[in-house]
């Protein structure tokens, strides 16, 4: 379900926000460790986008994991 402030992001916009290469985004998607993109149409070549809410949640999870690693290493 879409959140109130949700938006579509292109792969370029996602790359800019998360600071990962296109190849790394694709690798993490295949491993299931990065949010999937969604097709805007029924066709195989339909434009694909990411939901801002899923990217924002993924970023929050990455921050939490990094902070937990920092605390446990001290």
Protein backbone atom coordinates (compact mmCIF):
# COMPACT_ATOMS: atom_id res chain seq x y z
CA UNK A 1 0.00 0.00 0.00
CA UNK A 2 1.26 3.48 -0.82
CA UNK A 3 2.16 5.76 2.01
CA UNK A 4 0.77 9.29 2.07
CA UNK A 5 4.07 10.86 1.01
CA UNK A 6 5.16 8.09 -1.38
CA UNK A 7 6.67 8.86 -4.77
CA UNK A 8 8.16 7.04 -7.72
CA UNK A 9 11.93 7.23 -8.11
CA UNK A 10 13.94 6.37 -11.21
CA UNK A 11 16.99 4.14 -10.92
CA UNK A 12 19.17 7.25 -11.39
CA UNK A 13 17.41 9.01 -8.51
CA UNK A 14 17.83 5.95 -6.29
CA UNK A 15 21.51 5.69 -7.20
CA UNK A 16 21.99 9.34 -6.26
CA UNK A 17 20.30 8.86 -2.88
CA UNK A 18 21.93 5.59 -1.80
CA UNK A 19 25.39 6.21 -3.35
CA UNK A 20 25.64 2.71 -4.87
CA UNK A 21 26.51 1.89 -8.48
CA UNK A 22 23.89 0.51 -10.85
CA UNK A 23 25.70 -2.83 -10.78
CA UNK A 24 25.70 -2.95 -6.97
CA UNK A 25 21.99 -2.11 -6.84
CA UNK A 26 21.30 -4.97 -9.28
CA UNK A 27 23.48 -7.40 -7.27
CA UNK A 28 21.70 -6.54 -4.04
CA UNK A 29 18.29 -6.85 -5.70
CA UNK A 30 19.19 -10.35 -6.93
CA UNK A 31 20.30 -11.27 -3.40
CA UNK A 32 17.09 -9.81 -1.95
CA UNK A 33 18.94 -7.23 0.13
CA UNK A 34 17.69 -4.17 -1.78
CA UNK A 35 14.09 -3.13 -2.49
CA UNK A 36 12.70 -4.36 -5.80
CA UNK A 37 11.57 -2.01 -8.54
CA UNK A 38 8.01 -2.16 -9.80
CA UNK A 39 6.74 -2.06 -13.39
CA UNK A 40 4.38 0.77 -14.29
CA UNK A 41 2.71 -1.26 -17.00
CA UNK A 42 1.83 -4.83 -17.91
CA UNK A 43 4.53 -5.28 -20.52
CA UNK A 44 8.00 -6.76 -20.13
CA UNK A 45 9.61 -3.50 -21.23
CA UNK A 46 7.37 -1.25 -19.10
CA UNK A 47 9.18 1.49 -17.20
CA UNK A 48 10.35 0.34 -13.78
CA UNK A 49 10.49 2.60 -10.73
CA UNK A 50 11.23 2.35 -7.02
CA UNK A 51 8.94 3.49 -4.24
CA UNK A 52 10.48 6.23 -2.12
CA UNK A 53 9.05 4.62 1.04
CA UNK A 54 10.86 1.33 0.36
CA UNK A 55 14.15 3.14 -0.36
CA UNK A 56 13.75 5.32 2.75
CA UNK A 57 13.06 2.24 4.90
CA UNK A 58 16.08 0.42 3.41
CA UNK A 59 18.29 3.43 4.19
CA UNK A 60 17.02 3.51 7.79
CA UNK A 61 17.81 -0.22 8.15
CA UNK A 62 21.34 0.35 6.82
CA UNK A 63 21.92 3.18 9.30
CA UNK A 64 20.60 1.10 12.21
CA UNK A 65 22.81 -1.85 11.24
CA UNK A 66 25.88 0.37 10.95
CA UNK A 67 25.23 1.96 14.34
CA UNK A 68 24.75 -1.48 15.92
CA UNK A 69 28.07 -2.65 14.43
CA UNK A 70 29.81 0.46 15.78
CA UNK A 71 28.42 -0.08 19.28
CA UNK A 72 29.27 -3.79 19.36
CA UNK A 73 32.84 -3.18 18.18
CA UNK A 74 33.65 -0.90 21.11
